[in-house]
């Protein structure tokens, strides 16, 4: 399975890229694990800390509070990684 991860704000900074392809299993958890595995340990740790605070959209649909292992990701899916935003 191949998906596109699009990172925003602090997630983009932690990932070091705005967008990347990932090959992983069939769930959001697998896709994120594949993205983490492609980085050196220190970069993976930094991204992991940011991901813990993020919300996600899969093909425009909010994941909400569902466990990431329960969120199915289909071939060609677009996953938006959204850290908490500040502002007013």
N, C-alpha and C. Protein backbone atom coordinates (compact mmCIF):
# COMPACT_ATOMS: atom_id res chain seq x y z
N UNK A 1 0.84 -1.17 0.00
CA UNK A 1 0.00 0.00 0.00
C UNK A 1 0.89 1.23 0.00
N UNK A 2 0.54 2.20 -0.79
CA UNK A 2 1.27 3.46 -0.86
C UNK A 2 0.30 4.60 -0.58
N UNK A 3 0.74 5.54 0.25
CA UNK A 3 -0.08 6.70 0.59
C UNK A 3 0.81 7.93 0.59
N UNK A 4 0.20 9.09 0.57
CA UNK A 4 0.92 10.35 0.65
C UNK A 4 0.65 10.98 2.00
N UNK A 5 1.71 11.31 2.72
CA UNK A 5 1.60 12.04 3.98
C UNK A 5 1.87 13.51 3.69
N UNK A 6 0.96 14.37 4.12
CA UNK A 6 1.16 15.82 3.99
C UNK A 6 1.24 16.39 5.40
N UNK A 7 2.36 17.03 5.67
CA UNK A 7 2.62 17.58 7.01
C UNK A 7 2.35 19.08 7.02
N UNK A 8 1.80 19.56 8.12
CA UNK A 8 1.48 20.97 8.27
C UNK A 8 2.14 21.52 9.53
N UNK A 9 2.55 22.79 9.46
CA UNK A 9 3.08 23.56 10.59
C UNK A 9 4.20 22.81 11.32
N UNK A 10 4.06 22.57 12.62
CA UNK A 10 5.11 21.92 13.41
C UNK A 10 5.42 20.51 12.92
N UNK A 11 4.43 19.83 12.37
CA UNK A 11 4.66 18.49 11.83
C UNK A 11 5.58 18.57 10.60
N UNK A 12 5.39 19.58 9.79
CA UNK A 12 6.25 19.80 8.62
C UNK A 12 7.68 20.06 9.06
N UNK A 13 7.84 20.87 10.09
CA UNK A 13 9.18 21.17 10.60
C UNK A 13 9.83 19.90 11.16
N UNK A 14 9.09 19.12 11.92
CA UNK A 14 9.65 17.90 12.52
C UNK A 14 9.96 16.85 11.45
N UNK A 15 9.13 16.76 10.42
CA UNK A 15 9.35 15.77 9.36
C UNK A 15 10.48 16.19 8.42
N UNK A 16 10.71 17.49 8.32
CA UNK A 16 11.74 17.98 7.42
C UNK A 16 11.30 18.06 5.98
N UNK A 17 10.05 17.75 5.72
CA UNK A 17 9.47 17.82 4.37
C UNK A 17 8.00 18.21 4.51
N UNK A 18 7.44 18.75 3.44
CA UNK A 18 6.02 19.08 3.44
C UNK A 18 5.16 17.88 3.07
N UNK A 19 5.74 16.99 2.28
CA UNK A 19 4.96 15.85 1.76
C UNK A 19 5.92 14.71 1.45
N UNK A 20 5.44 13.49 1.66
CA UNK A 20 6.23 12.32 1.30
C UNK A 20 5.31 11.14 1.04
N UNK A 21 5.81 10.21 0.24
CA UNK A 21 5.10 8.96 0.03
C UNK A 21 5.57 7.96 1.07
N UNK A 22 4.68 7.10 1.45
CA UNK A 22 5.07 6.05 2.38
C UNK A 22 4.44 4.74 1.92
N UNK A 23 5.16 3.69 2.15
CA UNK A 23 4.64 2.36 1.87
C UNK A 23 4.49 1.67 3.22
N UNK A 24 3.34 1.18 3.48
CA UNK A 24 3.10 0.54 4.76
C UNK A 24 1.91 -0.38 4.67
N UNK A 25 1.41 -0.75 5.79
CA UNK A 25 0.27 -1.66 5.85
C UNK A 25 -1.02 -0.97 5.49
N UNK A 26 -2.08 -1.48 5.99
CA UNK A 26 -3.41 -1.00 5.61
C UNK A 26 -4.04 -0.05 6.62
N UNK A 27 -3.30 0.36 7.65
CA UNK A 27 -3.88 1.26 8.64
C UNK A 27 -3.05 2.54 8.77
N UNK A 28 -3.66 3.52 9.39
CA UNK A 28 -2.95 4.77 9.63
C UNK A 28 -1.74 4.54 10.53
N UNK A 29 -1.87 3.68 11.51
CA UNK A 29 -0.74 3.37 12.39
C UNK A 29 0.43 2.81 11.59
N UNK A 30 0.15 1.92 10.65
CA UNK A 30 1.22 1.34 9.83
C UNK A 30 1.87 2.41 8.95
N UNK A 31 1.09 3.30 8.37
CA UNK A 31 1.64 4.36 7.52
C UNK A 31 2.56 5.26 8.32
N UNK A 32 2.15 5.64 9.53
CA UNK A 32 2.98 6.50 10.36
C UNK A 32 4.24 5.78 10.81
N UNK A 33 4.10 4.50 11.15
CA UNK A 33 5.28 3.71 11.52
C UNK A 33 6.29 3.64 10.38
N UNK A 34 5.80 3.51 9.15
CA UNK A 34 6.69 3.46 7.98
C UNK A 34 7.42 4.79 7.81
N UNK A 35 6.72 5.90 8.04
CA UNK A 35 7.35 7.21 7.94
C UNK A 35 8.43 7.38 9.01
N UNK A 36 8.15 6.91 10.21
CA UNK A 36 9.13 7.01 11.29
C UNK A 36 10.34 6.12 11.02
N UNK A 37 10.10 4.94 10.48
CA UNK A 37 11.18 3.98 10.23
C UNK A 37 12.14 4.48 9.16
N UNK A 38 11.71 5.40 8.32
CA UNK A 38 12.56 5.90 7.24
C UNK A 38 13.52 6.99 7.70
N UNK A 39 13.46 7.35 8.99
CA UNK A 39 14.29 8.43 9.51
C UNK A 39 15.32 7.91 10.50
N UNK A 40 16.43 8.65 10.64
CA UNK A 40 17.38 8.30 11.71
C UNK A 40 16.69 8.44 13.07
N UNK A 41 17.24 7.79 14.08
CA UNK A 41 16.60 7.74 15.40
C UNK A 41 16.24 9.11 15.96
N UNK A 42 17.16 10.08 15.92
CA UNK A 42 16.87 11.38 16.52
C UNK A 42 15.74 12.10 15.77
N UNK A 43 15.73 12.02 14.46
CA UNK A 43 14.66 12.64 13.67
C UNK A 43 13.34 11.91 13.89
N UNK A 44 13.38 10.60 14.00
CA UNK A 44 12.17 9.82 14.26
C UNK A 44 11.59 10.17 15.63
N UNK A 45 12.45 10.33 16.62
CA UNK A 45 11.98 10.69 17.96
C UNK A 45 11.30 12.06 17.95
N UNK A 46 11.91 13.01 17.26
CA UNK A 46 11.33 14.36 17.18
C UNK A 46 9.96 14.32 16.49
N UNK A 47 9.87 13.59 15.38
CA UNK A 47 8.59 13.49 14.68
C UNK A 47 7.57 12.72 15.52
N UNK A 48 7.98 11.68 16.20
CA UNK A 48 7.08 10.89 17.04
C UNK A 48 6.43 11.78 18.12
N UNK A 49 7.22 12.66 18.72
CA UNK A 49 6.68 13.56 19.76
C UNK A 49 5.62 14.49 19.18
N UNK A 50 5.85 14.98 17.97
CA UNK A 50 4.86 15.85 17.33
C UNK A 50 3.62 15.05 16.95
N UNK A 51 3.80 13.87 16.37
CA UNK A 51 2.66 13.05 15.95
C UNK A 51 1.73 12.73 17.12
N UNK A 52 2.29 12.60 18.31
CA UNK A 52 1.47 12.27 19.49
C UNK A 52 0.45 13.37 19.79
N UNK A 53 0.69 14.59 19.30
CA UNK A 53 -0.22 15.71 19.55
C UNK A 53 -1.09 16.04 18.35
N UNK A 54 -0.90 15.35 17.25
CA UNK A 54 -1.57 15.69 15.99
C UNK A 54 -2.95 15.07 15.86
N UNK A 55 -3.72 15.71 14.99
CA UNK A 55 -4.95 15.09 14.49
C UNK A 55 -4.68 14.75 13.02
N UNK A 56 -5.54 13.90 12.46
CA UNK A 56 -5.28 13.38 11.12
C UNK A 56 -6.55 13.42 10.28
N UNK A 57 -6.36 13.65 8.99
CA UNK A 57 -7.42 13.49 8.00
C UNK A 57 -6.94 12.43 7.03
N UNK A 58 -7.81 11.51 6.67
CA UNK A 58 -7.51 10.51 5.65
C UNK A 58 -8.48 10.75 4.51
N UNK A 59 -7.94 11.16 3.38
CA UNK A 59 -8.75 11.54 2.22
C UNK A 59 -9.83 12.55 2.60
N UNK A 60 -9.43 13.51 3.45
CA UNK A 60 -10.33 14.59 3.84
C UNK A 60 -11.28 14.27 4.97
N UNK A 61 -11.27 13.04 5.46
CA UNK A 61 -12.18 12.63 6.54
C UNK A 61 -11.44 12.63 7.87
N UNK A 62 -11.98 13.34 8.88
CA UNK A 62 -11.32 13.38 10.18
C UNK A 62 -11.27 12.00 10.85
N UNK A 63 -10.12 11.70 11.43
CA UNK A 63 -9.95 10.44 12.15
C UNK A 63 -10.59 10.53 13.53
N UNK A 64 -10.55 11.70 14.12
CA UNK A 64 -11.12 11.88 15.45
C UNK A 64 -10.33 11.10 16.49
N UNK A 65 -11.02 10.50 17.43
CA UNK A 65 -10.37 9.79 18.53
C UNK A 65 -10.25 8.28 18.31
N UNK A 66 -10.56 7.84 17.09
CA UNK A 66 -10.43 6.41 16.81
C UNK A 66 -8.99 5.95 16.96
N UNK A 67 -8.76 4.73 17.43
CA UNK A 67 -7.39 4.21 17.47
C UNK A 67 -6.82 4.16 16.05
N UNK A 68 -5.56 4.55 15.91
CA UNK A 68 -4.94 4.62 14.59
C UNK A 68 -4.86 3.25 13.92
N UNK A 69 -4.84 2.19 14.72
CA UNK A 69 -4.86 0.83 14.17
C UNK A 69 -6.21 0.48 13.54
N UNK A 70 -7.25 1.23 13.87
CA UNK A 70 -8.58 0.96 13.33
C UNK A 70 -8.90 1.77 12.09
N UNK A 71 -8.02 2.70 11.72
CA UNK A 71 -8.29 3.59 10.59
C UNK A 71 -7.67 2.98 9.34
N UNK A 72 -8.52 2.54 8.43
CA UNK A 72 -8.07 1.90 7.19
C UNK A 72 -7.56 2.96 6.22
N UNK A 73 -6.41 2.67 5.62
CA UNK A 73 -5.81 3.53 4.60
C UNK A 73 -5.76 2.73 3.31
N UNK A 74 -6.39 3.26 2.27
CA UNK A 74 -6.43 2.57 0.99
C UNK A 74 -5.28 3.03 0.09
N UNK A 75 -5.01 2.29 -0.93
CA UNK A 75 -3.97 2.62 -1.91
C UNK A 75 -4.21 4.02 -2.45
N UNK A 76 -3.16 4.84 -2.43
CA UNK A 76 -3.24 6.20 -2.97
C UNK A 76 -3.86 7.22 -2.03
N UNK A 77 -4.13 6.84 -0.80
CA UNK A 77 -4.76 7.76 0.15
C UNK A 77 -3.86 8.95 0.43
N UNK A 78 -4.50 10.06 0.80
CA UNK A 78 -3.78 11.25 1.24
C UNK A 78 -4.07 11.43 2.72
N UNK A 79 -3.00 11.48 3.50
CA UNK A 79 -3.11 11.61 4.96
C UNK A 79 -2.56 12.98 5.33
N UNK A 80 -3.41 13.83 5.91
CA UNK A 80 -2.98 15.13 6.39
C UNK A 80 -2.65 15.02 7.86
N UNK A 81 -1.47 15.51 8.24
CA UNK A 81 -0.98 15.46 9.62
C UNK A 81 -1.06 16.88 10.16
N UNK A 82 -1.97 17.10 11.11
CA UNK A 82 -2.29 18.45 11.58
C UNK A 82 -1.96 18.60 13.06
N UNK A 83 -0.90 19.34 13.37
CA UNK A 83 -0.61 19.60 14.78
C UNK A 83 -1.63 20.61 15.33
N UNK A 84 -1.69 20.75 16.65
CA UNK A 84 -2.59 21.77 17.21
C UNK A 84 -2.15 23.15 16.69
N UNK A 85 -3.12 23.95 16.33
CA UNK A 85 -2.83 25.27 15.81
C UNK A 85 -3.11 26.31 16.90
N UNK A 86 -2.31 27.33 16.94
CA UNK A 86 -2.54 28.44 17.85
C UNK A 86 -3.02 29.63 17.01
N UNK A 87 -3.63 30.55 17.65
CA UNK A 87 -4.06 31.73 16.93
C UNK A 87 -5.40 32.20 17.42
N UNK A 88 -5.90 33.16 16.76
CA UNK A 88 -7.17 33.67 17.22
C UNK A 88 -7.78 34.48 16.22
